[in-house]
Amino acid sequence: MPNTFLRVGNGPHPVIVLHGWFGDAHSFKPIEPWLSGQRFSYIFMDCRGYGGMREARGAYTMDEIAADALALADALGYPAFSLIGHSMGGMASERIATLAPELVLSMLAVAPVPCGGMVYDAATRRLLEDAAEHVDSRKTIINRSTGGRLPSSWVEWKAAYSASRSSRQAFAAYLRAWADTDFSEQISGRHPVKVLVGEHDPTFNARLMADTYLRRSRWRRRSSLSLNPSV
């Protein structure tokens, strides 16, 4: 059975949207009214262990997310599609592009984890690992990633939402999936890519993207980077 999903729009251009570590298929609900539903059909997919797939067991890997997304696209009858990926969903999007490059039209990555993974110091890694069990750790991570600029009430809501919409097992496993996976040597740079980052994000920022996403596809002159000061 295909993964659960939320569909927004009925346009001719299908777009599969993959959520981040703290999200699920409904993570982008506030922006849905501004999506171009006449031009695009947005398919917001739940990864295993999240949202409607919270109880679904799996390996919780990038390859599994990619395979599930491809199976969903096939079930919906999409011969080709574009991809939007946020955070770990950005890495999963790149994995799809390496496994089925002929099916991918273009890619939009939002504060994505690069396909080479992430190396953290011991204290940061411990904080990330603790987040599977402790909501306070999730609050700390969310607050740091948004530059400590958002109200505490929002940070608390986001942490609670994350905890309620994901299983602890999946959340813990996906950390290893996005932080420790490296398939950077398989990137061909053949797809048009646009990368969005937050001005106040201390980690997944413009410098990191310039050294990863843009460097890997620069020879094709088909990638670009945009800075969003509101994130």
C-alpha atoms as a PDB file:
ATOM      1  CA  MET A   1       0.000   0.000   0.000  1.00  0.00           C
ATOM      2  CA  PRO A   2       1.410   3.472  -0.894  1.00  0.00           C
ATOM      3  CA  ASN A   3       2.349   5.882   1.837  1.00  0.00           C
ATOM      4  CA  THR A   4      -0.350   8.230   3.119  1.00  0.00           C
ATOM      5  CA  PHE A   5      -0.303  11.688   1.581  1.00  0.00           C
ATOM      6  CA  LEU A   6      -2.051  15.045   1.320  1.00  0.00           C
ATOM      7  CA  ARG A   7      -2.865  16.373  -2.123  1.00  0.00           C
ATOM      8  CA  VAL A   8      -3.104  20.100  -2.816  1.00  0.00           C
ATOM      9  CA  GLY A   9      -4.095  21.268  -6.298  1.00  0.00           C
ATOM     10  CA  ASN A  10      -4.967  19.466  -9.505  1.00  0.00           C
ATOM     11  CA  GLY A  11      -2.554  21.014 -11.963  1.00  0.00           C
ATOM     12  CA  PRO A  12      -0.808  19.052 -14.737  1.00  0.00           C
ATOM     13  CA  HIS A  13       2.681  19.233 -13.175  1.00  0.00           C
ATOM     14  CA  PRO A  14       3.015  16.754 -10.269  1.00  0.00           C
ATOM     15  CA  VAL A  15       5.265  17.676  -7.350  1.00  0.00           C
ATOM     16  CA  ILE A  16       6.134  15.230  -4.585  1.00  0.00           C
ATOM     17  CA  VAL A  17       6.886  17.011  -1.317  1.00  0.00           C
ATOM     18  CA  LEU A  18       8.993  15.297   1.364  1.00  0.00           C
ATOM     19  CA  HIS A  19       8.894  16.621   4.913  1.00  0.00           C
ATOM     20  CA  GLY A  20      11.712  17.158   7.380  1.00  0.00           C
ATOM     21  CA  TRP A  21      12.806  15.444  10.570  1.00  0.00           C
ATOM     22  CA  PHE A  22      10.363  17.473  12.673  1.00  0.00           C
ATOM     23  CA  GLY A  23       7.449  17.378  10.242  1.00  0.00           C
ATOM     24  CA  ASP A  24       4.925  15.250   8.402  1.00  0.00           C
ATOM     25  CA  ALA A  25       2.651  15.599   5.370  1.00  0.00           C
ATOM     26  CA  HIS A  26       0.724  18.443   7.042  1.00  0.00           C
ATOM     27  CA  SER A  27       3.773  20.486   8.051  1.00  0.00           C
ATOM     28  CA  PHE A  28       3.249  23.089   5.359  1.00  0.00           C
ATOM     29  CA  LYS A  29      -0.467  23.585   5.914  1.00  0.00           C
ATOM     30  CA  PRO A  30      -0.120  27.362   6.573  1.00  0.00           C
ATOM     31  CA  ILE A  31       1.223  27.958   3.046  1.00  0.00           C
ATOM     32  CA  GLU A  32      -1.288  25.782   1.187  1.00  0.00           C
ATOM     33  CA  PRO A  33      -3.562  28.731   0.196  1.00  0.00           C
ATOM     34  CA  TRP A  34      -0.637  30.303  -1.688  1.00  0.00           C
ATOM     35  CA  LEU A  35       0.304  27.241  -3.710  1.00  0.00           C
ATOM     36  CA  SER A  36      -0.476  27.285  -7.431  1.00  0.00           C
ATOM     37  CA  GLY A  37      -3.001  24.463  -7.548  1.00  0.00           C
ATOM     38  CA  GLN A  38      -3.967  25.174 -11.158  1.00  0.00           C
ATOM     39  CA  ARG A  39      -0.438  24.625 -12.438  1.00  0.00           C
ATOM     40  CA  PHE A  40       0.730  21.964 -10.001  1.00  0.00           C
ATOM     41  CA  SER A  41      -0.494  18.943  -8.077  1.00  0.00           C
ATOM     42  CA  TYR A  42       1.374  18.884  -4.768  1.00  0.00           C
ATOM     43  CA  ILE A  43       1.640  15.466  -3.125  1.00  0.00           C
ATOM     44  CA  PHE A  44       2.768  15.831   0.487  1.00  0.00           C
ATOM     45  CA  MET A  45       3.916  12.338   1.477  1.00  0.00           C
ATOM     46  CA  ASP A  46       4.218  10.912   4.990  1.00  0.00           C
ATOM     47  CA  CYS A  47       7.493   9.082   5.532  1.00  0.00           C
ATOM     48  CA  ARG A  48       7.231   5.809   7.430  1.00  0.00           C
ATOM     49  CA  GLY A  49       6.904   6.469  11.141  1.00  0.00           C
ATOM     50  CA  TYR A  50       5.291   9.898  10.594  1.00  0.00           C
ATOM     51  CA  GLY A  51       1.738  11.252  10.338  1.00  0.00           C
ATOM     52  CA  GLY A  52      -0.624   8.720   8.827  1.00  0.00           C
ATOM     53  CA  MET A  53       2.301   6.284   8.599  1.00  0.00           C
ATOM     54  CA  ARG A  54       3.228   6.665  12.283  1.00  0.00           C
ATOM     55  CA  GLU A  55       2.683   2.990  13.025  1.00  0.00           C
ATOM     56  CA  ALA A  56       4.262   1.763   9.787  1.00  0.00           C
ATOM     57  CA  ARG A  57       7.418  -0.225  10.398  1.00  0.00           C
ATOM     58  CA  GLY A  58      10.445   0.089   8.192  1.00  0.00           C
ATOM     59  CA  ALA A  59      14.182   0.481   7.931  1.00  0.00           C
ATOM     60  CA  TYR A  60      13.834   4.300   8.118  1.00  0.00           C
ATOM     61  CA  THR A  61      16.559   5.015   5.574  1.00  0.00           C
ATOM     62  CA  MET A  62      17.029   7.414   2.665  1.00  0.00           C
ATOM     63  CA  ASP A  63      16.725   4.507   0.244  1.00  0.00           C
ATOM     64  CA  GLU A  64      13.401   3.542   1.808  1.00  0.00           C
ATOM     65  CA  ILE A  65      11.982   7.061   1.598  1.00  0.00           C
ATOM     66  CA  ALA A  66      13.081   7.214  -2.033  1.00  0.00           C
ATOM     67  CA  ALA A  67      11.556   3.831  -2.836  1.00  0.00           C
ATOM     68  CA  ASP A  68       8.288   4.766  -1.116  1.00  0.00           C
ATOM     69  CA  ALA A  69       8.101   8.057  -3.017  1.00  0.00           C
ATOM     70  CA  LEU A  70       8.720   6.306  -6.327  1.00  0.00           C
ATOM     71  CA  ALA A  71       6.055   3.705  -5.502  1.00  0.00           C
ATOM     72  CA  LEU A  72       3.602   6.483  -4.656  1.00  0.00           C
ATOM     73  CA  ALA A  73       4.336   8.307  -7.907  1.00  0.00           C
ATOM     74  CA  ASP A  74       3.745   5.076  -9.798  1.00  0.00           C
ATOM     75  CA  ALA A  75       0.483   4.398  -7.939  1.00  0.00           C
ATOM     76  CA  LEU A  76      -0.727   7.902  -8.825  1.00  0.00           C
ATOM     77  CA  GLY A  77       0.204   7.394 -12.471  1.00  0.00           C
ATOM     78  CA  TYR A  78       2.953  10.026 -12.663  1.00  0.00           C
ATOM     79  CA  PRO A  79       5.518   9.214 -15.388  1.00  0.00           C
ATOM     80  CA  ALA A  80       7.639  12.175 -14.258  1.00  0.00           C
ATOM     81  CA  PHE A  81       7.508  14.707 -11.439  1.00  0.00           C
ATOM     82  CA  SER A  82       9.347  17.455  -9.608  1.00  0.00           C
ATOM     83  CA  LEU A  83      10.502  17.248  -6.001  1.00  0.00           C
ATOM     84  CA  ILE A  84      10.396  19.538  -2.987  1.00  0.00           C
ATOM     85  CA  GLY A  85      12.313  18.417   0.071  1.00  0.00           C
ATOM     86  CA  HIS A  86      12.687  20.071   3.449  1.00  0.00           C
ATOM     87  CA  SER A  87      15.544  19.213   5.822  1.00  0.00           C
ATOM     88  CA  MET A  88      16.011  15.428   5.674  1.00  0.00           C
ATOM     89  CA  GLY A  89      13.428  15.465   2.874  1.00  0.00           C
ATOM     90  CA  GLY A  90      15.937  17.435   0.820  1.00  0.00           C
ATOM     91  CA  MET A  91      18.429  14.620   1.155  1.00  0.00           C
ATOM     92  CA  ALA A  92      15.738  12.080   0.266  1.00  0.00           C
ATOM     93  CA  SER A  93      14.921  14.102  -2.848  1.00  0.00           C
ATOM     94  CA  GLU A  94      18.506  13.854  -3.993  1.00  0.00           C
ATOM     95  CA  ARG A  95      18.404  10.113  -3.346  1.00  0.00           C
ATOM     96  CA  ILE A  96      15.371   9.808  -5.610  1.00  0.00           C
ATOM     97  CA  ALA A  97      17.221  11.767  -8.282  1.00  0.00           C
ATOM     98  CA  THR A  98      20.160   9.353  -8.141  1.00  0.00           C
ATOM     99  CA  LEU A  99      17.990   6.222  -8.203  1.00  0.00           C
ATOM    100  CA  ALA A 100      15.537   7.328 -10.906  1.00  0.00           C
ATOM    101  CA  PRO A 101      17.061  10.363 -12.640  1.00  0.00           C
ATOM    102  CA  GLU A 102      14.889   9.953 -15.734  1.00  0.00           C
ATOM    103  CA  LEU A 103      11.721  10.525 -13.682  1.00  0.00           C
ATOM    104  CA  VAL A 104      12.773  13.773 -11.987  1.00  0.00           C
ATOM    105  CA  LEU A 105      12.011  17.059 -13.739  1.00  0.00           C
ATOM    106  CA  SER A 106      13.420  19.534 -11.224  1.00  0.00           C
ATOM    107  CA  MET A 107      14.169  19.909  -7.519  1.00  0.00           C
ATOM    108  CA  LEU A 108      13.519  22.520  -4.835  1.00  0.00           C
ATOM    109  CA  ALA A 109      15.413  21.988  -1.588  1.00  0.00           C
ATOM    110  CA  VAL A 110      14.437  23.905   1.569  1.00  0.00           C
ATOM    111  CA  ALA A 111      17.192  24.076   4.209  1.00  0.00           C
ATOM    112  CA  PRO A 112      18.189  20.582   3.070  1.00  0.00           C
ATOM    113  CA  VAL A 113      20.581  18.057   4.552  1.00  0.00           C
ATOM    114  CA  PRO A 114      23.290  17.581   1.900  1.00  0.00           C
ATOM    115  CA  CYS A 115      23.704  14.146   0.347  1.00  0.00           C
ATOM    116  CA  GLY A 116      27.070  13.769   2.087  1.00  0.00           C
ATOM    117  CA  GLY A 117      25.503  13.747   5.549  1.00  0.00           C
ATOM    118  CA  MET A 118      26.508  15.883   8.530  1.00  0.00           C
ATOM    119  CA  VAL A 119      29.344  15.591  11.042  1.00  0.00           C
ATOM    120  CA  TYR A 120      28.641  17.066  14.488  1.00  0.00           C
ATOM    121  CA  ASP A 121      30.697  17.534  17.606  1.00  0.00           C
ATOM    122  CA  ALA A 122      29.975  15.114  20.447  1.00  0.00           C
ATOM    123  CA  ALA A 123      27.729  17.490  22.413  1.00  0.00           C
ATOM    124  CA  THR A 124      25.571  18.381  19.400  1.00  0.00           C
ATOM    125  CA  ARG A 125      25.257  14.776  18.334  1.00  0.00           C
ATOM    126  CA  ARG A 126      24.162  13.836  21.851  1.00  0.00           C
ATOM    127  CA  LEU A 127      21.532  16.589  21.801  1.00  0.00           C
ATOM    128  CA  LEU A 128      20.194  15.323  18.480  1.00  0.00           C
ATOM    129  CA  GLU A 129      20.076  11.746  19.762  1.00  0.00           C
ATOM    130  CA  ASP A 130      18.302  12.826  22.962  1.00  0.00           C
ATOM    131  CA  ALA A 131      15.556  14.497  20.929  1.00  0.00           C
ATOM    132  CA  ALA A 132      13.931  11.141  20.225  1.00  0.00           C
ATOM    133  CA  GLU A 133      13.058  10.760  23.913  1.00  0.00           C
ATOM    134  CA  HIS A 134      13.014  14.302  25.275  1.00  0.00           C
ATOM    135  CA  VAL A 135      10.785  17.123  24.038  1.00  0.00           C
ATOM    136  CA  ASP A 136      13.049  19.693  25.702  1.00  0.00           C
ATOM    137  CA  SER A 137      15.872  18.603  23.380  1.00  0.00           C
ATOM    138  CA  ARG A 138      13.557  19.114  20.436  1.00  0.00           C
ATOM    139  CA  LYS A 139      12.790  22.613  21.687  1.00  0.00           C
ATOM    140  CA  THR A 140      16.493  23.426  21.905  1.00  0.00           C
ATOM    141  CA  ILE A 141      17.165  22.191  18.374  1.00  0.00           C
ATOM    142  CA  ILE A 142      14.177  24.028  16.909  1.00  0.00           C
ATOM    143  CA  ASN A 143      15.090  27.247  18.702  1.00  0.00           C
ATOM    144  CA  ARG A 144      18.695  27.073  17.511  1.00  0.00           C
ATOM    145  CA  SER A 145      17.791  26.277  13.924  1.00  0.00           C
ATOM    146  CA  THR A 146      15.505  29.317  13.722  1.00  0.00           C
ATOM    147  CA  GLY A 147      18.134  31.633  15.184  1.00  0.00           C
ATOM    148  CA  GLY A 148      16.470  31.977  18.591  1.00  0.00           C
ATOM    149  CA  ARG A 149      14.136  34.582  17.117  1.00  0.00           C
ATOM    150  CA  LEU A 150      10.707  32.980  17.371  1.00  0.00           C
ATOM    151  CA  PRO A 151       8.334  33.068  20.365  1.00  0.00           C
ATOM    152  CA  SER A 152       8.752  30.318  22.930  1.00  0.00           C
ATOM    153  CA  SER A 153       5.092  29.413  22.449  1.00  0.00           C
ATOM    154  CA  TRP A 154       5.785  28.583  18.789  1.00  0.00           C
ATOM    155  CA  VAL A 155       8.889  26.564  19.663  1.00  0.00           C
ATOM    156  CA  GLU A 156       6.898  24.606  22.254  1.00  0.00           C
ATOM    157  CA  TRP A 157       4.092  23.989  19.757  1.00  0.00           C
ATOM    158  CA  LYS A 158       6.501  22.807  17.067  1.00  0.00           C
ATOM    159  CA  ALA A 159       8.280  20.427  19.455  1.00  0.00           C
ATOM    160  CA  ALA A 160       4.984  18.998  20.711  1.00  0.00           C
ATOM    161  CA  TYR A 161       3.680  18.635  17.149  1.00  0.00           C
ATOM    162  CA  SER A 162       6.818  16.766  16.153  1.00  0.00           C
ATOM    163  CA  ALA A 163       6.581  14.395  19.111  1.00  0.00           C
ATOM    164  CA  SER A 164       2.919  13.650  18.450  1.00  0.00           C
ATOM    165  CA  ARG A 165       3.326  13.083  14.708  1.00  0.00           C
ATOM    166  CA  SER A 166       6.294  10.705  14.723  1.00  0.00           C
ATOM    167  CA  SER A 167       7.225   7.480  16.459  1.00  0.00           C
ATOM    168  CA  ARG A 168      10.267   7.563  18.699  1.00  0.00           C
ATOM    169  CA  GLN A 169      11.799   4.619  16.872  1.00  0.00           C
ATOM    170  CA  ALA A 170      11.477   6.280  13.472  1.00  0.00           C
ATOM    171  CA  PHE A 171      12.652   9.666  14.718  1.00  0.00           C
ATOM    172  CA  ALA A 172      15.795   8.144  16.246  1.00  0.00           C
ATOM    173  CA  ALA A 173      16.550   6.041  13.176  1.00  0.00           C
ATOM    174  CA  TYR A 174      16.106   8.907  10.729  1.00  0.00           C
ATOM    175  CA  LEU A 175      18.822  10.872  12.527  1.00  0.00           C
ATOM    176  CA  ARG A 176      21.290   8.160  11.588  1.00  0.00           C
ATOM    177  CA  ALA A 177      19.817   8.075   8.093  1.00  0.00           C
ATOM    178  CA  TRP A 178      20.344  11.745   7.306  1.00  0.00           C
ATOM    179  CA  ALA A 179      23.435  12.446   9.372  1.00  0.00           C
ATOM    180  CA  ASP A 180      25.447   9.334   8.512  1.00  0.00           C
ATOM    181  CA  THR A 181      24.455   8.625   4.895  1.00  0.00           C
ATOM    182  CA  ASP A 182      26.764   9.669   2.065  1.00  0.00           C
ATOM    183  CA  PHE A 183      25.929   9.145  -1.589  1.00  0.00           C
ATOM    184  CA  SER A 184      27.566  12.353  -2.826  1.00  0.00           C
ATOM    185  CA  GLU A 185      29.674  10.500  -5.389  1.00  0.00           C
ATOM    186  CA  GLN A 186      26.494   9.449  -7.184  1.00  0.00           C
ATOM    187  CA  ILE A 187      25.266  12.990  -7.858  1.00  0.00           C
ATOM    188  CA  SER A 188      25.303  13.739 -11.579  1.00  0.00           C
ATOM    189  CA  GLY A 189      24.219  17.371 -11.534  1.00  0.00           C
ATOM    190  CA  ARG A 190      21.773  16.783 -14.394  1.00  0.00           C
ATOM    191  CA  HIS A 191      18.664  18.237 -12.714  1.00  0.00           C
ATOM    192  CA  PRO A 192      17.704  21.901 -12.280  1.00  0.00           C
ATOM    193  CA  VAL A 193      18.003  22.652  -8.553  1.00  0.00           C
ATOM    194  CA  LYS A 194      16.945  25.626  -6.450  1.00  0.00           C
ATOM    195  CA  VAL A 195      17.993  25.755  -2.799  1.00  0.00           C
ATOM    196  CA  LEU A 196      16.286  27.905  -0.152  1.00  0.00           C
ATOM    197  CA  VAL A 197      17.947  28.608   3.185  1.00  0.00           C
ATOM    198  CA  GLY A 198      17.076  30.727   6.198  1.00  0.00           C
ATOM    199  CA  GLU A 199      19.115  33.824   6.915  1.00  0.00           C
ATOM    200  CA  HIS A 200      19.305  32.917  10.607  1.00  0.00           C
ATOM    201  CA  ASP A 201      19.897  29.173  10.305  1.00  0.00           C
ATOM    202  CA  PRO A 202      23.353  28.567  11.869  1.00  0.00           C
ATOM    203  CA  THR A 203      23.896  25.149  10.267  1.00  0.00           C
ATOM    204  CA  PHE A 204      22.013  24.604   7.013  1.00  0.00           C
ATOM    205  CA  ASN A 205      23.021  27.966   5.651  1.00  0.00           C
ATOM    206  CA  ALA A 206      24.188  29.511   2.392  1.00  0.00           C
ATOM    207  CA  ARG A 207      27.817  28.590   2.971  1.00  0.00           C
ATOM    208  CA  LEU A 208      27.027  24.906   3.500  1.00  0.00           C
ATOM    209  CA  MET A 209      24.823  24.826   0.419  1.00  0.00           C
ATOM    210  CA  ALA A 210      27.469  26.549  -1.702  1.00  0.00           C
ATOM    211  CA  ASP A 211      29.924  23.836  -0.661  1.00  0.00           C
ATOM    212  CA  THR A 212      27.496  20.972  -1.321  1.00  0.00           C
ATOM    213  CA  TYR A 213      24.397  21.414  -3.482  1.00  0.00           C
ATOM    214  CA  LEU A 214      25.727  24.174  -5.696  1.00  0.00           C
ATOM    215  CA  ARG A 215      29.246  22.796  -5.996  1.00  0.00           C
ATOM    216  CA  ARG A 216      27.953  19.429  -7.189  1.00  0.00           C
ATOM    217  CA  SER A 217      25.841  20.895  -9.954  1.00  0.00           C
ATOM    218  CA  ARG A 218      27.708  24.108 -10.742  1.00  0.00           C
ATOM    219  CA  TRP A 219      29.293  22.679 -13.864  1.00  0.00           C
ATOM    220  CA  ARG A 220      25.822  22.326 -15.326  1.00  0.00           C
ATOM    221  CA  ARG A 221      24.934  25.968 -14.538  1.00  0.00           C
ATOM    222  CA  ARG A 222      21.478  24.781 -13.519  1.00  0.00           C
ATOM    223  CA  SER A 223      21.451  25.457  -9.790  1.00  0.00           C
ATOM    224  CA  SER A 224      20.720  28.532  -7.703  1.00  0.00           C
ATOM    225  CA  LEU A 225      20.548  29.627  -4.095  1.00  0.00           C
ATOM    226  CA  SER A 226      18.014  31.917  -2.452  1.00  0.00           C
ATOM    227  CA  LEU A 227      18.091  33.428   1.026  1.00  0.00           C
ATOM    228  CA  ASN A 228      14.826  33.710   2.943  1.00  0.00           C
ATOM    229  CA  PRO A 229      15.203  36.351   5.685  1.00  0.00           C
ATOM    230  CA  SER A 230      11.950  35.306   7.345  1.00  0.00           C
ATOM    231  CA  VAL A 231      13.143  31.796   8.243  1.00  0.00           C
END
